C-alpha atoms as a PDB file:
ATOM      1  CA  MET A   1      -0.328  -0.274   0.019  1.00  0.00           C
ATOM      2  CA  ASN A   2       1.255   3.350  -0.648  1.00  0.00           C
ATOM      3  CA  PRO A   3       2.568   5.241   2.142  1.00  0.00           C
ATOM      4  CA  PHE A   4       0.847   8.694   1.555  1.00  0.00           C
ATOM      5  CA  ASN A   5      -2.750   6.679   1.377  1.00  0.00           C
ATOM      6  CA  ILE A   6      -1.681   5.114   5.298  1.00  0.00           C
ATOM      7  CA  ARG A   7      -1.237   8.641   6.345  1.00  0.00           C
ATOM      8  CA  LEU A   8      -4.437  10.054   4.695  1.00  0.00           C
ATOM      9  CA  GLY A   9      -6.062   7.288   6.322  1.00  0.00           C
ATOM     10  CA  THR A  10      -4.573   7.603   9.523  1.00  0.00           C
ATOM     11  CA  ALA A  11      -5.186  11.040   9.449  1.00  0.00           C
ATOM     12  CA  THR A  12      -8.999  10.642   8.437  1.00  0.00           C
ATOM     13  CA  LEU A  13      -9.353   8.302  10.817  1.00  0.00           C
ATOM     14  CA  LEU A  14      -8.227  10.563  13.924  1.00  0.00           C
ATOM     15  CA  ALA A  15     -10.452  13.064  12.527  1.00  0.00           C
ATOM     16  CA  CYS A  16     -13.631  11.192  12.858  1.00  0.00           C
ATOM     17  CA  LEU A  17     -12.522  10.001  16.494  1.00  0.00           C
ATOM     18  CA  TRP A  18     -12.012  13.663  17.277  1.00  0.00           C
ATOM     19  CA  LEU A  19     -15.069  15.261  15.809  1.00  0.00           C
ATOM     20  CA  PRO A  20     -17.655  13.183  18.292  1.00  0.00           C
ATOM     21  CA  ALA A  21     -15.161  14.402  20.966  1.00  0.00           C
ATOM     22  CA  LEU A  22     -15.781  18.359  19.993  1.00  0.00           C
ATOM     23  CA  ALA A  23     -19.604  18.204  19.709  1.00  0.00           C
ATOM     24  CA  GLN A  24     -19.466  17.052  23.172  1.00  0.00           C
ATOM     25  CA  ASN A  25     -17.134  19.700  24.568  1.00  0.00           C
ATOM     26  CA  VAL A  26     -18.934  22.310  22.559  1.00  0.00           C
ATOM     27  CA  GLU A  27     -22.397  21.056  24.548  1.00  0.00           C
ATOM     28  CA  ALA A  28     -20.593  20.973  27.903  1.00  0.00           C
ATOM     29  CA  GLY A  29     -19.408  24.287  27.334  1.00  0.00           C
ATOM     30  CA  GLY A  30     -22.795  25.938  26.512  1.00  0.00           C
ATOM     31  CA  LYS A  31     -23.806  24.779  29.968  1.00  0.00           C
ATOM     32  CA  LYS A  32     -20.634  26.218  31.460  1.00  0.00           C
ATOM     33  CA  ALA A  33     -20.846  29.402  29.670  1.00  0.00           C
ATOM     34  CA  ALA A  34     -24.201  31.055  31.292  1.00  0.00           C
ATOM     35  CA  PRO A  35     -21.939  33.620  33.394  1.00  0.00           C
ATOM     36  CA  CYS A  36     -20.005  34.719  30.731  1.00  0.00           C
ATOM     37  CA  PHE A  37     -22.958  36.295  28.868  1.00  0.00           C
ATOM     38  CA  ALA A  38     -23.052  38.901  31.374  1.00  0.00           C
ATOM     39  CA  CYS A  39     -20.212  40.321  29.792  1.00  0.00           C
ATOM     40  CA  HIS A  40     -19.462  38.722  26.534  1.00  0.00           C
ATOM     41  CA  GLY A  41     -23.259  38.617  25.303  1.00  0.00           C
ATOM     42  CA  ALA A  42     -25.326  35.414  24.411  1.00  0.00           C
ATOM     43  CA  ASN A  43     -23.235  33.032  22.487  1.00  0.00           C
ATOM     44  CA  GLY A  44     -20.322  35.326  22.618  1.00  0.00           C
ATOM     45  CA  ASN A  45     -21.380  37.970  20.997  1.00  0.00           C
ATOM     46  CA  SER A  46     -20.911  41.098  23.279  1.00  0.00           C
ATOM     47  CA  THR A  47     -22.596  44.135  22.660  1.00  0.00           C
ATOM     48  CA  LEU A  48     -20.592  45.964  25.170  1.00  0.00           C
ATOM     49  CA  SER A  49     -17.249  47.234  23.337  1.00  0.00           C
ATOM     50  CA  ALA A  50     -15.418  46.799  26.696  1.00  0.00           C
ATOM     51  CA  PHE A  51     -15.287  43.376  26.336  1.00  0.00           C
ATOM     52  CA  PRO A  52     -14.095  40.992  23.292  1.00  0.00           C
ATOM     53  CA  ILE A  53     -16.824  39.206  21.195  1.00  0.00           C
ATOM     54  CA  LEU A  54     -15.619  35.414  21.677  1.00  0.00           C
ATOM     55  CA  ALA A  55     -18.069  34.078  18.943  1.00  0.00           C
ATOM     56  CA  GLY A  56     -15.873  32.342  16.274  1.00  0.00           C
ATOM     57  CA  LEU A  57     -12.486  32.598  18.058  1.00  0.00           C
ATOM     58  CA  ASN A  58     -10.275  29.933  18.062  1.00  0.00           C
ATOM     59  CA  MET A  59     -10.764  27.344  20.351  1.00  0.00           C
ATOM     60  CA  ARG A  60      -7.017  27.136  21.228  1.00  0.00           C
ATOM     61  CA  TYR A  61      -6.456  30.701  21.747  1.00  0.00           C
ATOM     62  CA  ILE A  62      -9.585  30.818  24.320  1.00  0.00           C
ATOM     63  CA  TYR A  63      -8.397  28.093  26.029  1.00  0.00           C
ATOM     64  CA  LEU A  64      -4.743  29.752  26.293  1.00  0.00           C
ATOM     65  CA  GLN A  65      -6.298  33.364  27.540  1.00  0.00           C
ATOM     66  CA  LEU A  66      -8.528  31.649  29.962  1.00  0.00           C
ATOM     67  CA  LYS A  67      -5.558  29.376  31.510  1.00  0.00           C
ATOM     68  CA  ASP A  68      -3.429  32.933  31.642  1.00  0.00           C
ATOM     69  CA  PHE A  69      -6.274  34.663  33.539  1.00  0.00           C
ATOM     70  CA  LYS A  70      -6.501  31.488  35.767  1.00  0.00           C
ATOM     71  CA  GLU A  71      -2.732  31.530  36.186  1.00  0.00           C
ATOM     72  CA  GLY A  72      -2.026  35.056  36.881  1.00  0.00           C
ATOM     73  CA  ARG A  73      -0.517  35.726  33.529  1.00  0.00           C
ATOM     74  CA  ARG A  74      -3.021  37.495  32.469  1.00  0.00           C
ATOM     75  CA  ARG A  75      -5.302  40.125  35.070  1.00  0.00           C
ATOM     76  CA  ASP A  76      -8.489  41.674  34.415  1.00  0.00           C
ATOM     77  CA  PRO A  77     -10.730  42.220  37.468  1.00  0.00           C
ATOM     78  CA  ASN A  78     -14.098  40.554  35.982  1.00  0.00           C
ATOM     79  CA  MET A  79     -12.308  37.524  34.832  1.00  0.00           C
ATOM     80  CA  ASP A  80     -10.094  36.640  38.109  1.00  0.00           C
ATOM     81  CA  ALA A  81     -12.963  35.534  39.923  1.00  0.00           C
ATOM     82  CA  LEU A  82     -14.702  33.690  37.124  1.00  0.00           C
ATOM     83  CA  VAL A  83     -11.210  31.730  36.009  1.00  0.00           C
ATOM     84  CA  ALA A  84     -10.338  30.871  39.872  1.00  0.00           C
ATOM     85  CA  ASN A  85     -12.202  27.431  39.784  1.00  0.00           C
ATOM     86  CA  LEU A  86     -12.315  26.379  36.385  1.00  0.00           C
ATOM     87  CA  THR A  87     -10.461  23.099  35.456  1.00  0.00           C
ATOM     88  CA  ARG A  88      -8.426  22.315  32.247  1.00  0.00           C
ATOM     89  CA  GLU A  89     -11.789  20.571  31.173  1.00  0.00           C
ATOM     90  CA  ASP A  90     -13.890  23.435  31.692  1.00  0.00           C
ATOM     91  CA  MET A  91     -11.544  25.709  29.797  1.00  0.00           C
ATOM     92  CA  LEU A  92     -11.515  23.418  26.917  1.00  0.00           C
ATOM     93  CA  ASP A  93     -15.160  23.212  26.856  1.00  0.00           C
ATOM     94  CA  LEU A  94     -15.414  26.826  26.819  1.00  0.00           C
ATOM     95  CA  GLY A  95     -13.154  27.301  23.952  1.00  0.00           C
ATOM     96  CA  ALA A  96     -14.904  24.563  21.647  1.00  0.00           C
ATOM     97  CA  PHE A  97     -18.164  26.340  22.751  1.00  0.00           C
ATOM     98  CA  PHE A  98     -17.416  29.627  21.658  1.00  0.00           C
ATOM     99  CA  ALA A  99     -15.121  28.791  18.598  1.00  0.00           C
ATOM    100  CA  ALA A 100     -18.535  26.977  17.709  1.00  0.00           C
ATOM    101  CA  GLN A 101     -20.659  30.187  17.446  1.00  0.00           C
ATOM    102  CA  LYS A 102     -21.148  32.428  14.568  1.00  0.00           C
ATOM    103  CA  LYS A 103     -19.556  35.864  15.034  1.00  0.00           C
ATOM    104  CA  GLY A 104     -22.182  38.947  14.714  1.00  0.00           C
ATOM    105  CA  ASN A 105     -21.743  42.157  13.231  1.00  0.00           C
ATOM    106  CA  ASN A 106     -20.003  44.587  16.153  1.00  0.00           C
ATOM    107  CA  GLY A 107     -22.149  47.172  14.841  1.00  0.00           C
ATOM    108  CA  PHE A 108     -18.946  49.500  14.487  1.00  0.00           C
ATOM    109  CA  LYS A 109     -18.899  52.290  11.392  1.00  0.00           C
ATOM    110  CA  PRO A 110     -15.307  53.038  10.926  1.00  0.00           C
ATOM    111  CA  ASP A 111     -13.635  56.335   9.607  1.00  0.00           C
ATOM    112  CA  PRO A 112     -12.534  55.508   6.272  1.00  0.00           C
ATOM    113  CA  GLN A 113      -9.733  57.912   6.301  1.00  0.00           C
ATOM    114  CA  LYS A 114      -8.513  56.234   9.633  1.00  0.00           C
ATOM    115  CA  SER A 115      -9.222  52.725   8.503  1.00  0.00           C
ATOM    116  CA  GLU A 116      -7.358  53.701   5.295  1.00  0.00           C
ATOM    117  CA  ARG A 117      -4.569  54.587   7.330  1.00  0.00           C
ATOM    118  CA  GLY A 118      -4.741  51.826   9.770  1.00  0.00           C
ATOM    119  CA  LYS A 119      -4.138  49.167   6.762  1.00  0.00           C
ATOM    120  CA  ALA A 120      -1.292  50.612   5.734  1.00  0.00           C
ATOM    121  CA  LYS A 121       0.109  50.926   9.550  1.00  0.00           C
ATOM    122  CA  ALA A 122      -0.876  46.877   9.551  1.00  0.00           C
ATOM    123  CA  ASP A 123       1.097  46.726   6.530  1.00  0.00           C
ATOM    124  CA  GLU A 124       3.971  48.163   7.412  1.00  0.00           C
ATOM    125  CA  THR A 125       4.371  46.382  10.917  1.00  0.00           C
ATOM    126  CA  LEU A 126       3.469  43.003   9.192  1.00  0.00           C
ATOM    127  CA  CYS A 127       0.529  42.360  11.133  1.00  0.00           C
ATOM    128  CA  THR A 128      -0.807  39.627   8.789  1.00  0.00           C
ATOM    129  CA  MET A 129       2.292  37.738   9.344  1.00  0.00           C
ATOM    130  CA  CYS A 130       0.333  36.156  12.547  1.00  0.00           C
ATOM    131  CA  HIS A 131      -2.735  36.920  12.563  1.00  0.00           C
ATOM    132  CA  LEU A 132      -3.056  36.201   8.608  1.00  0.00           C
ATOM    133  CA  GLY A 133      -4.882  38.360   6.041  1.00  0.00           C
ATOM    134  CA  GLU A 134      -7.753  40.200   6.675  1.00  0.00           C
ATOM    135  CA  LEU A 135      -6.553  39.707  10.349  1.00  0.00           C
ATOM    136  CA  ALA A 136      -8.588  36.523  10.553  1.00  0.00           C
ATOM    137  CA  GLY A 137      -6.429  34.941  13.403  1.00  0.00           C
ATOM    138  CA  GLN A 138      -4.891  31.314  13.613  1.00  0.00           C
ATOM    139  CA  ASN A 139      -3.975  28.914  16.538  1.00  0.00           C
ATOM    140  CA  GLU A 140      -2.912  30.726  19.287  1.00  0.00           C
ATOM    141  CA  ILE A 141      -3.243  34.064  17.492  1.00  0.00           C
ATOM    142  CA  PRO A 142      -6.913  36.015  17.531  1.00  0.00           C
ATOM    143  CA  ARG A 143      -8.464  36.927  14.979  1.00  0.00           C
ATOM    144  CA  VAL A 144      -8.995  40.367  15.571  1.00  0.00           C
ATOM    145  CA  ALA A 145     -11.266  41.653  12.322  1.00  0.00           C
ATOM    146  CA  GLY A 146     -14.886  42.810  13.407  1.00  0.00           C
ATOM    147  CA  GLN A 147     -13.437  42.666  17.297  1.00  0.00           C
ATOM    148  CA  HIS A 148     -15.035  46.025  19.344  1.00  0.00           C
ATOM    149  CA  TYR A 149     -12.816  49.101  18.504  1.00  0.00           C
ATOM    150  CA  ASP A 150     -12.755  49.936  21.946  1.00  0.00           C
ATOM    151  CA  TYR A 151     -11.393  46.144  22.971  1.00  0.00           C
ATOM    152  CA  ILE A 152      -8.753  46.610  20.373  1.00  0.00           C
ATOM    153  CA  VAL A 153      -7.427  49.900  21.238  1.00  0.00           C
ATOM    154  CA  LYS A 154      -7.307  48.874  25.224  1.00  0.00           C
ATOM    155  CA  GLN A 155      -5.553  45.975  24.093  1.00  0.00           C
ATOM    156  CA  LEU A 156      -2.728  47.819  22.106  1.00  0.00           C
ATOM    157  CA  LYS A 157      -2.604  50.210  24.654  1.00  0.00           C
ATOM    158  CA  ASP A 158      -2.014  47.837  27.290  1.00  0.00           C
ATOM    159  CA  PHE A 159       0.607  45.690  25.480  1.00  0.00           C
ATOM    160  CA  LYS A 160       2.337  48.867  24.639  1.00  0.00           C
ATOM    161  CA  ALA A 161       2.664  49.990  28.536  1.00  0.00           C
ATOM    162  CA  MET A 162       3.381  46.255  29.503  1.00  0.00           C
ATOM    163  CA  ARG A 163      -0.001  46.077  31.685  1.00  0.00           C
ATOM    164  CA  ARG A 164      -0.676  43.292  29.222  1.00  0.00           C
ATOM    165  CA  THR A 165       2.345  40.743  28.767  1.00  0.00           C
ATOM    166  CA  ASN A 166       1.052  37.014  28.099  1.00  0.00           C
ATOM    167  CA  ASP A 167       1.999  36.692  24.304  1.00  0.00           C
ATOM    168  CA  ALA A 168       6.015  36.268  24.877  1.00  0.00           C
ATOM    169  CA  GLY A 169       6.816  39.986  24.186  1.00  0.00           C
ATOM    170  CA  ASN A 170       5.548  39.814  20.388  1.00  0.00           C
ATOM    171  CA  MET A 171       2.929  42.455  20.843  1.00  0.00           C
ATOM    172  CA  THR A 172       4.721  44.409  23.083  1.00  0.00           C
ATOM    173  CA  SER A 173       7.548  44.569  20.572  1.00  0.00           C
ATOM    174  CA  VAL A 174       4.857  45.952  17.920  1.00  0.00           C
ATOM    175  CA  ALA A 175       3.022  48.072  20.096  1.00  0.00           C
ATOM    176  CA  LYS A 176       6.196  50.000  21.453  1.00  0.00           C
ATOM    177  CA  THR A 177       6.680  51.205  17.623  1.00  0.00           C
ATOM    178  CA  LEU A 178       2.432  52.576  17.497  1.00  0.00           C
ATOM    179  CA  SER A 179       1.741  56.080  18.429  1.00  0.00           C
ATOM    180  CA  ASP A 180      -1.814  57.032  19.735  1.00  0.00           C
ATOM    181  CA  GLU A 181      -2.907  58.133  16.339  1.00  0.00           C
ATOM    182  CA  ASP A 182      -1.305  54.684  14.998  1.00  0.00           C
ATOM    183  CA  ILE A 183      -3.628  52.677  17.764  1.00  0.00           C
ATOM    184  CA  ASP A 184      -6.893  54.846  16.714  1.00  0.00           C
ATOM    185  CA  ASN A 185      -6.306  54.292  12.847  1.00  0.00           C
ATOM    186  CA  LEU A 186      -5.656  50.047  13.664  1.00  0.00           C
ATOM    187  CA  GLY A 187      -8.759  50.227  15.770  1.00  0.00           C
ATOM    188  CA  HIS A 188     -10.832  51.706  13.037  1.00  0.00           C
ATOM    189  CA  TYR A 189      -9.401  49.132  10.281  1.00  0.00           C
ATOM    190  CA  ALA A 190      -9.505  46.200  12.343  1.00  0.00           C
ATOM    191  CA  ALA A 191     -13.040  46.750  13.447  1.00  0.00           C
ATOM    192  CA  GLY A 192     -14.376  47.636  10.358  1.00  0.00           C
ATOM    193  CA  LEU A 193     -13.625  44.291   9.344  1.00  0.00           C
ATOM    194  CA  HIS A 194     -16.039  41.608   8.528  1.00  0.00           C
END
């Protein structure tokens, strides 16, 4: 038998075994997510611009952020008490649940000129190397496209001021080069992507 076919067959089998487990995690996560809805909105579509939209974010990213909050690498008074008693399984289930939700529209109307300058700054600082094209995100790198403007701006300012450091320094090194105007422009660009 062809070695490629063996690898393909093995990968297919593993995917089939993994899918039912994912479905169970989504269901379990949905049962555990109710406390999250107060800030992050029903099914993770926050209507409060200070809180991120979790719907459709990568499962691994959500899990790692919850883990960082729990272990003190990321701090927020709203999150600290909520994550204190979460188990690894809880965090994985919540990640699976929110990743499976459909992201809604954030309702933001970007200023076209600021958005254009934001795109130019994103190109200059190579945002797409990590966040991919249209800032869609991947693996541990979040989708920033369509996130709330206020949340984007706060995170960039927190990275710049080193109030947020749970990313091995990648965002801090980029954010330190940004002016307040750059951050505003990037916020308009990213929040305006749908």
